Amino acid sequence: DLELHLQRCQQLSVTVLTDHQDLSNTELKTITSSPAPQQYRIRAKLRTYKPQKLHQSVKLHCSKCKSLQEVPDRDAFDLILHDSAGTAPNPELHNTSWYESVTWTTQDQKKREIAIHFVKRDEMLQHPEDTLLMIEGGTLKEIWKLAKRFKCVIPVRSTEDDLELLDLSAPFLLQGNVKYYGCKHCSTPKPMKNLSSIAAEQQPSWEPTEIAQVLGIELLQYVFIMKFTLVDETGALNAYLFDN
């Protein structure tokens, strides 16, 4: 457990944080006054680390514009789904050559209209573990249930001419328990009919990178970021961890 390990590091008087046995120890004041990049071996004390809660270290990173953003929380996704449910599915967009549609109205007080569009291959439905589906009007709970059974789930809404992605504050794709997001600045979302090119492949893999590409989405990557402040008797040094 990294968080427990970091707490233990703070309790130790001296901690070896990097291990280049062929190098002698270098004081922090020498490192801060030297040009980068160079390799050093240090002996230092961990004064602080940020963020304090480990889950806050996970961010979304765009490799194109280099932006970093927080991973949207459950409530934000729920709100976007609630807003999109106000747009009724367009029956003219149902049962096309490349997907088969099923619709129903919920029996609760809200009487939500839900449409699920199952993408076909060679005009045939696939096994659930190979199937991509698009859903309109679903709740977060319903979408997670579908994501557990089917390979890919894309939340959509109807326009007059085609199905489209929701606000990019929401994940544009769910695969298992992983949510995939697109960069708002670098993406140019395209209508869902562009997915038909993948559906026409002999064995569609439904890889998130390929789906993102045909839908005009610049895929955001999950990254792990932390900041450490290291000290010795000569000075202090901020160290940053950035990794996929």
C-alpha atoms as a PDB file:
ATOM      1  CA  ASP A   1       0.000   0.000   0.000  1.00  0.00           C
ATOM      2  CA  LEU A   2       1.724   3.157  -1.239  1.00  0.00           C
ATOM      3  CA  GLU A   3      -0.031   5.490   1.185  1.00  0.00           C
ATOM      4  CA  LEU A   4       1.105   3.437   4.182  1.00  0.00           C
ATOM      5  CA  HIS A   5       4.602   3.202   2.710  1.00  0.00           C
ATOM      6  CA  LEU A   6       4.784   6.993   2.369  1.00  0.00           C
ATOM      7  CA  GLN A   7       3.689   7.441   5.970  1.00  0.00           C
ATOM      8  CA  ARG A   8       6.475   5.098   7.050  1.00  0.00           C
ATOM      9  CA  CYS A   9       8.960   7.048   4.939  1.00  0.00           C
ATOM     10  CA  GLN A  10       8.028  10.232   6.784  1.00  0.00           C
ATOM     11  CA  GLN A  11       8.718   8.518  10.094  1.00  0.00           C
ATOM     12  CA  LEU A  12      12.238   7.441   9.097  1.00  0.00           C
ATOM     13  CA  SER A  13      15.086   9.878   9.740  1.00  0.00           C
ATOM     14  CA  VAL A  14      16.806   9.090   6.446  1.00  0.00           C
ATOM     15  CA  THR A  15      15.385   7.290   3.413  1.00  0.00           C
ATOM     16  CA  VAL A  16      17.182   6.195   0.245  1.00  0.00           C
ATOM     17  CA  LEU A  17      14.754   7.266  -2.481  1.00  0.00           C
ATOM     18  CA  THR A  18      16.871   6.483  -5.540  1.00  0.00           C
ATOM     19  CA  ASP A  19      19.392   3.684  -5.799  1.00  0.00           C
ATOM     20  CA  HIS A  20      22.339   4.168  -8.175  1.00  0.00           C
ATOM     21  CA  GLN A  21      24.994   2.175  -6.387  1.00  0.00           C
ATOM     22  CA  ASP A  22      27.679   3.251  -8.852  1.00  0.00           C
ATOM     23  CA  LEU A  23      27.154   6.924  -7.915  1.00  0.00           C
ATOM     24  CA  SER A  24      28.244   8.702  -4.761  1.00  0.00           C
ATOM     25  CA  ASN A  25      25.703  10.685  -2.760  1.00  0.00           C
ATOM     26  CA  THR A  26      25.044  14.230  -3.923  1.00  0.00           C
ATOM     27  CA  GLU A  27      23.792  17.049  -1.716  1.00  0.00           C
ATOM     28  CA  LEU A  28      20.481  18.624  -2.704  1.00  0.00           C
ATOM     29  CA  LYS A  29      21.974  22.120  -2.989  1.00  0.00           C
ATOM     30  CA  THR A  30      24.321  20.783  -5.679  1.00  0.00           C
ATOM     31  CA  ILE A  31      21.431  19.256  -7.609  1.00  0.00           C
ATOM     32  CA  THR A  32      19.300  22.422  -7.503  1.00  0.00           C
ATOM     33  CA  SER A  33      22.193  24.508  -8.869  1.00  0.00           C
ATOM     34  CA  SER A  34      23.137  22.032 -11.644  1.00  0.00           C
ATOM     35  CA  PRO A  35      21.796  21.934 -15.211  1.00  0.00           C
ATOM     36  CA  ALA A  36      19.409  19.115 -16.108  1.00  0.00           C
ATOM     37  CA  PRO A  37      19.206  16.323 -17.077  1.00  0.00           C
ATOM     38  CA  GLN A  38      21.675  14.379 -14.944  1.00  0.00           C
ATOM     39  CA  GLN A  39      21.615  11.280 -12.767  1.00  0.00           C
ATOM     40  CA  TYR A  40      22.171  11.508  -9.041  1.00  0.00           C
ATOM     41  CA  ARG A  41      22.080   9.295  -6.005  1.00  0.00           C
ATOM     42  CA  ILE A  42      20.723  11.052  -2.937  1.00  0.00           C
ATOM     43  CA  ARG A  43      20.064  10.417   0.706  1.00  0.00           C
ATOM     44  CA  ALA A  44      17.152  12.553   1.812  1.00  0.00           C
ATOM     45  CA  LYS A  45      14.254  12.847   4.165  1.00  0.00           C
ATOM     46  CA  LEU A  46      10.674  12.962   2.910  1.00  0.00           C
ATOM     47  CA  ARG A  47       9.156  16.121   4.345  1.00  0.00           C
ATOM     48  CA  THR A  48       5.761  16.128   2.588  1.00  0.00           C
ATOM     49  CA  TYR A  49       3.882  14.537  -0.270  1.00  0.00           C
ATOM     50  CA  LYS A  50       0.818  15.632  -2.227  1.00  0.00           C
ATOM     51  CA  PRO A  51      -1.970  14.789  -2.663  1.00  0.00           C
ATOM     52  CA  GLN A  52      -2.562  13.367   0.788  1.00  0.00           C
ATOM     53  CA  LYS A  53      -5.256  10.963  -0.452  1.00  0.00           C
ATOM     54  CA  LEU A  54      -3.972   8.489  -2.983  1.00  0.00           C
ATOM     55  CA  HIS A  55      -7.096   8.434  -5.203  1.00  0.00           C
ATOM     56  CA  GLN A  56      -6.599  12.162  -5.865  1.00  0.00           C
ATOM     57  CA  SER A  57      -3.342  11.326  -7.658  1.00  0.00           C
ATOM     58  CA  VAL A  58      -5.201   9.897 -10.661  1.00  0.00           C
ATOM     59  CA  LYS A  59      -5.796  12.503 -13.386  1.00  0.00           C
ATOM     60  CA  LEU A  60      -6.748  12.582 -17.062  1.00  0.00           C
ATOM     61  CA  HIS A  61      -4.035  13.707 -19.476  1.00  0.00           C
ATOM     62  CA  CYS A  62      -4.258  14.789 -23.120  1.00  0.00           C
ATOM     63  CA  SER A  63      -1.113  13.891 -25.033  1.00  0.00           C
ATOM     64  CA  LYS A  64      -1.992  16.438 -27.738  1.00  0.00           C
ATOM     65  CA  CYS A  65      -2.571  19.674 -25.785  1.00  0.00           C
ATOM     66  CA  LYS A  66      -0.773  18.392 -22.632  1.00  0.00           C
ATOM     67  CA  SER A  67      -3.692  19.417 -20.415  1.00  0.00           C
ATOM     68  CA  LEU A  68      -4.467  17.727 -17.107  1.00  0.00           C
ATOM     69  CA  GLN A  69      -7.915  17.458 -15.586  1.00  0.00           C
ATOM     70  CA  GLU A  70      -9.667  15.815 -12.705  1.00  0.00           C
ATOM     71  CA  VAL A  71     -11.509  12.558 -13.318  1.00  0.00           C
ATOM     72  CA  PRO A  72     -15.232  13.505 -13.275  1.00  0.00           C
ATOM     73  CA  ASP A  73     -17.090  12.064 -10.326  1.00  0.00           C
ATOM     74  CA  ARG A  74     -20.164   9.848 -10.361  1.00  0.00           C
ATOM     75  CA  ASP A  75     -22.555  12.747  -9.702  1.00  0.00           C
ATOM     76  CA  ALA A  76     -21.355  14.671 -12.761  1.00  0.00           C
ATOM     77  CA  PHE A  77     -21.982  11.668 -15.029  1.00  0.00           C
ATOM     78  CA  ASP A  78     -25.375  11.080 -13.410  1.00  0.00           C
ATOM     79  CA  LEU A  79     -26.417  14.693 -14.056  1.00  0.00           C
ATOM     80  CA  ILE A  80     -25.441  14.518 -17.740  1.00  0.00           C
ATOM     81  CA  LEU A  81     -27.421  11.286 -18.138  1.00  0.00           C
ATOM     82  CA  HIS A  82     -30.416  12.876 -16.426  1.00  0.00           C
ATOM     83  CA  ASP A  83     -30.292  15.869 -18.787  1.00  0.00           C
ATOM     84  CA  SER A  84     -29.954  13.695 -21.880  1.00  0.00           C
ATOM     85  CA  ALA A  85     -32.967  11.613 -20.795  1.00  0.00           C
ATOM     86  CA  GLY A  86     -35.087  14.704 -21.509  1.00  0.00           C
ATOM     87  CA  THR A  87     -34.557  14.095 -25.231  1.00  0.00           C
ATOM     88  CA  ALA A  88     -36.816  11.274 -26.396  1.00  0.00           C
ATOM     89  CA  PRO A  89     -35.299   8.660 -28.722  1.00  0.00           C
ATOM     90  CA  ASN A  90     -35.973   9.415 -32.376  1.00  0.00           C
ATOM     91  CA  PRO A  91     -37.782   6.361 -33.851  1.00  0.00           C
ATOM     92  CA  GLU A  92     -36.592   7.271 -37.346  1.00  0.00           C
ATOM     93  CA  LEU A  93     -33.065   6.372 -36.243  1.00  0.00           C
ATOM     94  CA  HIS A  94     -33.977   2.853 -35.102  1.00  0.00           C
ATOM     95  CA  ASN A  95     -33.115  -0.464 -36.789  1.00  0.00           C
ATOM     96  CA  THR A  96     -30.619   0.589 -39.425  1.00  0.00           C
ATOM     97  CA  SER A  97     -28.488  -1.679 -41.600  1.00  0.00           C
ATOM     98  CA  TRP A  98     -25.732  -1.807 -38.980  1.00  0.00           C
ATOM     99  CA  TYR A  99     -27.578  -1.859 -35.638  1.00  0.00           C
ATOM    100  CA  GLU A 100     -30.776  -3.313 -34.205  1.00  0.00           C
ATOM    101  CA  SER A 101     -32.864  -1.260 -31.756  1.00  0.00           C
ATOM    102  CA  VAL A 102     -34.983  -2.158 -28.739  1.00  0.00           C
ATOM    103  CA  THR A 103     -37.127   0.433 -26.940  1.00  0.00           C
ATOM    104  CA  TRP A 104     -39.339   0.544 -23.878  1.00  0.00           C
ATOM    105  CA  THR A 105     -40.842   2.964 -21.348  1.00  0.00           C
ATOM    106  CA  THR A 106     -40.035   2.569 -17.668  1.00  0.00           C
ATOM    107  CA  GLN A 107     -42.873   1.825 -15.253  1.00  0.00           C
ATOM    108  CA  ASP A 108     -41.773   4.368 -12.640  1.00  0.00           C
ATOM    109  CA  GLN A 109     -43.212   7.866 -12.190  1.00  0.00           C
ATOM    110  CA  LYS A 110     -40.704   9.427 -14.604  1.00  0.00           C
ATOM    111  CA  LYS A 111     -41.815   7.203 -17.502  1.00  0.00           C
ATOM    112  CA  ARG A 112     -38.409   7.360 -19.132  1.00  0.00           C
ATOM    113  CA  GLU A 113     -38.051   6.266 -22.739  1.00  0.00           C
ATOM    114  CA  ILE A 114     -35.025   4.037 -23.220  1.00  0.00           C
ATOM    115  CA  ALA A 115     -33.536   2.835 -26.483  1.00  0.00           C
ATOM    116  CA  ILE A 116     -30.676   0.377 -26.871  1.00  0.00           C
ATOM    117  CA  HIS A 117     -29.012  -0.051 -30.252  1.00  0.00           C
ATOM    118  CA  PHE A 118     -27.059  -3.300 -30.704  1.00  0.00           C
ATOM    119  CA  VAL A 119     -24.385  -3.049 -33.384  1.00  0.00           C
ATOM    120  CA  LYS A 120     -24.497  -5.979 -35.836  1.00  0.00           C
ATOM    121  CA  ARG A 121     -21.872  -7.709 -37.951  1.00  0.00           C
ATOM    122  CA  ASP A 122     -22.905  -9.176 -41.298  1.00  0.00           C
ATOM    123  CA  GLU A 123     -26.478  -8.212 -40.349  1.00  0.00           C
ATOM    124  CA  MET A 124     -26.329 -10.578 -37.371  1.00  0.00           C
ATOM    125  CA  LEU A 125     -26.254  -9.860 -33.646  1.00  0.00           C
ATOM    126  CA  GLN A 126     -23.096 -11.002 -31.863  1.00  0.00           C
ATOM    127  CA  HIS A 127     -22.489 -12.658 -28.522  1.00  0.00           C
ATOM    128  CA  PRO A 128     -22.710 -10.112 -25.656  1.00  0.00           C
ATOM    129  CA  GLU A 129     -18.960 -10.318 -24.965  1.00  0.00           C
ATOM    130  CA  ASP A 130     -18.307  -9.215 -28.582  1.00  0.00           C
ATOM    131  CA  THR A 131     -21.070  -6.610 -28.850  1.00  0.00           C
ATOM    132  CA  LEU A 132     -20.940  -2.823 -28.810  1.00  0.00           C
ATOM    133  CA  LEU A 133     -24.216  -1.129 -27.943  1.00  0.00           C
ATOM    134  CA  MET A 134     -25.430   2.455 -27.726  1.00  0.00           C
ATOM    135  CA  ILE A 135     -27.970   3.496 -25.104  1.00  0.00           C
ATOM    136  CA  GLU A 136     -30.327   6.475 -24.895  1.00  0.00           C
ATOM    137  CA  GLY A 137     -32.106   7.519 -21.716  1.00  0.00           C
ATOM    138  CA  GLY A 138     -30.353   5.075 -19.391  1.00  0.00           C
ATOM    139  CA  THR A 139     -29.419   5.749 -15.770  1.00  0.00           C
ATOM    140  CA  LEU A 140     -25.936   5.244 -14.377  1.00  0.00           C
ATOM    141  CA  LYS A 141     -27.031   1.998 -12.704  1.00  0.00           C
ATOM    142  CA  GLU A 142     -28.514   0.643 -15.936  1.00  0.00           C
ATOM    143  CA  ILE A 143     -25.417   1.554 -17.930  1.00  0.00           C
ATOM    144  CA  TRP A 144     -23.104  -0.179 -15.444  1.00  0.00           C
ATOM    145  CA  LYS A 145     -25.231  -3.328 -15.619  1.00  0.00           C
ATOM    146  CA  LEU A 146     -24.917  -3.344 -19.409  1.00  0.00           C
ATOM    147  CA  ALA A 147     -21.168  -2.654 -19.239  1.00  0.00           C
ATOM    148  CA  LYS A 148     -20.707  -5.769 -17.108  1.00  0.00           C
ATOM    149  CA  ARG A 149     -22.381  -7.978 -19.692  1.00  0.00           C
ATOM    150  CA  PHE A 150     -21.525  -6.427 -23.075  1.00  0.00           C
ATOM    151  CA  LYS A 151     -18.095  -5.571 -24.446  1.00  0.00           C
ATOM    152  CA  CYS A 152     -18.655  -1.832 -25.019  1.00  0.00           C
ATOM    153  CA  VAL A 153     -21.353   0.657 -24.053  1.00  0.00           C
ATOM    154  CA  ILE A 154     -21.665   4.155 -25.520  1.00  0.00           C
ATOM    155  CA  PRO A 155     -24.205   6.600 -24.021  1.00  0.00           C
ATOM    156  CA  VAL A 156     -25.855   8.614 -26.829  1.00  0.00           C
ATOM    157  CA  ARG A 157     -28.799  10.864 -27.618  1.00  0.00           C
ATOM    158  CA  SER A 158     -30.905  11.435 -30.727  1.00  0.00           C
ATOM    159  CA  THR A 159     -30.750  14.327 -33.147  1.00  0.00           C
ATOM    160  CA  GLU A 160     -32.902  14.738 -36.247  1.00  0.00           C
ATOM    161  CA  ASP A 161     -30.326  13.004 -38.437  1.00  0.00           C
ATOM    162  CA  ASP A 162     -28.227  10.680 -36.300  1.00  0.00           C
ATOM    163  CA  LEU A 163     -27.206   9.506 -32.863  1.00  0.00           C
ATOM    164  CA  GLU A 164     -24.521  11.595 -31.160  1.00  0.00           C
ATOM    165  CA  LEU A 165     -22.262  11.450 -28.130  1.00  0.00           C
ATOM    166  CA  LEU A 166     -23.171  13.212 -24.901  1.00  0.00           C
ATOM    167  CA  ASP A 167     -21.220  16.094 -23.407  1.00  0.00           C
ATOM    168  CA  LEU A 168     -17.537  15.094 -23.223  1.00  0.00           C
ATOM    169  CA  SER A 169     -17.635  15.682 -19.475  1.00  0.00           C
ATOM    170  CA  ALA A 170     -19.196  12.212 -19.522  1.00  0.00           C
ATOM    171  CA  PRO A 171     -17.286   9.112 -20.632  1.00  0.00           C
ATOM    172  CA  PHE A 172     -17.853   8.494 -24.330  1.00  0.00           C
ATOM    173  CA  LEU A 173     -17.234   4.764 -23.856  1.00  0.00           C
ATOM    174  CA  LEU A 174     -17.494   2.221 -21.051  1.00  0.00           C
ATOM    175  CA  GLN A 175     -15.691  -1.087 -21.281  1.00  0.00           C
ATOM    176  CA  GLY A 176     -15.978  -3.370 -18.269  1.00  0.00           C
ATOM    177  CA  ASN A 177     -15.285  -1.180 -15.246  1.00  0.00           C
ATOM    178  CA  VAL A 178     -13.189   1.340 -17.208  1.00  0.00           C
ATOM    179  CA  LYS A 179     -14.565   4.700 -18.345  1.00  0.00           C
ATOM    180  CA  TYR A 180     -12.937   6.390 -21.342  1.00  0.00           C
ATOM    181  CA  TYR A 181     -12.970  10.175 -21.751  1.00  0.00           C
ATOM    182  CA  GLY A 182     -12.211  12.547 -24.613  1.00  0.00           C
ATOM    183  CA  CYS A 183     -10.445  15.909 -24.545  1.00  0.00           C
ATOM    184  CA  LYS A 184     -12.930  18.772 -24.876  1.00  0.00           C
ATOM    185  CA  HIS A 185     -10.302  21.020 -26.492  1.00  0.00           C
ATOM    186  CA  CYS A 186      -8.857  18.619 -29.061  1.00  0.00           C
ATOM    187  CA  SER A 187     -11.872  16.471 -29.984  1.00  0.00           C
ATOM    188  CA  THR A 188     -14.241  17.088 -32.877  1.00  0.00           C
ATOM    189  CA  PRO A 189     -17.068  14.610 -32.164  1.00  0.00           C
ATOM    190  CA  LYS A 190     -18.571  12.916 -35.203  1.00  0.00           C
ATOM    191  CA  PRO A 191     -21.998  11.225 -35.487  1.00  0.00           C
ATOM    192  CA  MET A 192     -22.337   7.592 -34.515  1.00  0.00           C
ATOM    193  CA  LYS A 193     -22.784   6.444 -38.117  1.00  0.00           C
ATOM    194  CA  ASN A 194     -18.987   6.598 -38.358  1.00  0.00           C
ATOM    195  CA  LEU A 195     -18.894   3.464 -36.200  1.00  0.00           C
ATOM    196  CA  SER A 196     -20.377   1.509 -39.111  1.00  0.00           C
ATOM    197  CA  SER A 197     -16.907   1.371 -40.684  1.00  0.00           C
ATOM    198  CA  ILE A 198     -15.631  -0.699 -37.726  1.00  0.00           C
ATOM    199  CA  ALA A 199     -18.809  -2.798 -37.664  1.00  0.00           C
ATOM    200  CA  ALA A 200     -18.122  -3.722 -41.296  1.00  0.00           C
ATOM    201  CA  GLU A 201     -14.758  -5.291 -40.378  1.00  0.00           C
ATOM    202  CA  GLN A 202     -14.481  -9.084 -40.449  1.00  0.00           C
ATOM    203  CA  GLN A 203     -13.815  -9.317 -36.694  1.00  0.00           C
ATOM    204  CA  PRO A 204     -14.372  -5.925 -35.023  1.00  0.00           C
ATOM    205  CA  SER A 205     -12.087  -5.626 -32.000  1.00  0.00           C
ATOM    206  CA  TRP A 206     -13.842  -2.540 -30.614  1.00  0.00           C
ATOM    207  CA  GLU A 207     -10.570  -1.154 -29.255  1.00  0.00           C
ATOM    208  CA  PRO A 208     -11.069   2.201 -27.476  1.00  0.00           C
ATOM    209  CA  THR A 209      -8.327   3.863 -29.552  1.00  0.00           C
ATOM    210  CA  GLU A 210      -9.985   2.805 -32.824  1.00  0.00           C
ATOM    211  CA  ILE A 211     -13.444   3.844 -31.612  1.00  0.00           C
ATOM    212  CA  ALA A 212     -12.083   7.216 -30.491  1.00  0.00           C
ATOM    213  CA  GLN A 213     -10.411   7.772 -33.862  1.00  0.00           C
ATOM    214  CA  VAL A 214     -13.503   7.165 -35.998  1.00  0.00           C
ATOM    215  CA  LEU A 215     -15.629   9.304 -33.646  1.00  0.00           C
ATOM    216  CA  GLY A 216     -13.203  12.235 -33.778  1.00  0.00           C
ATOM    217  CA  ILE A 217     -12.228  11.902 -30.125  1.00  0.00           C
ATOM    218  CA  GLU A 218      -8.801  12.707 -28.726  1.00  0.00           C
ATOM    219  CA  LEU A 219      -8.536   9.991 -26.091  1.00  0.00           C
ATOM    220  CA  LEU A 220      -7.524  11.052 -22.581  1.00  0.00           C
ATOM    221  CA  GLN A 221      -5.103   8.806 -20.707  1.00  0.00           C
ATOM    222  CA  TYR A 222      -5.269   8.017 -17.008  1.00  0.00           C
ATOM    223  CA  VAL A 223      -2.056   9.157 -15.326  1.00  0.00           C
ATOM    224  CA  PHE A 224      -0.693   8.977 -11.793  1.00  0.00           C
ATOM    225  CA  ILE A 225       0.825  12.173 -10.400  1.00  0.00           C
ATOM    226  CA  MET A 226       2.454  12.925  -7.053  1.00  0.00           C
ATOM    227  CA  LYS A 227       4.722  15.638  -5.648  1.00  0.00           C
ATOM    228  CA  PHE A 228       7.350  14.878  -3.018  1.00  0.00           C
ATOM    229  CA  THR A 229       9.380  17.417  -1.064  1.00  0.00           C
ATOM    230  CA  LEU A 230      12.781  15.971  -0.148  1.00  0.00           C
ATOM    231  CA  VAL A 231      15.194  17.583   2.322  1.00  0.00           C
ATOM    232  CA  ASP A 232      18.710  17.098   3.600  1.00  0.00           C
ATOM    233  CA  GLU A 233      20.962  19.358   5.667  1.00  0.00           C
ATOM    234  CA  THR A 234      21.814  21.463   2.588  1.00  0.00           C
ATOM    235  CA  GLY A 235      18.386  22.267   1.161  1.00  0.00           C
ATOM    236  CA  ALA A 236      15.085  21.066  -0.273  1.00  0.00           C
ATOM    237  CA  LEU A 237      14.041  19.573  -3.591  1.00  0.00           C
ATOM    238  CA  ASN A 238      10.610  19.018  -5.140  1.00  0.00           C
ATOM    239  CA  ALA A 239      10.297  15.726  -7.001  1.00  0.00           C
ATOM    240  CA  TYR A 240       7.388  14.872  -9.289  1.00  0.00           C
ATOM    241  CA  LEU A 241       6.095  11.438 -10.259  1.00  0.00           C
ATOM    242  CA  PHE A 242       4.171  11.258 -13.544  1.00  0.00           C
ATOM    243  CA  ASP A 243       3.312   7.884 -15.068  1.00  0.00           C
ATOM    244  CA  ASN A 244       0.556   6.029 -16.900  1.00  0.00           C
END
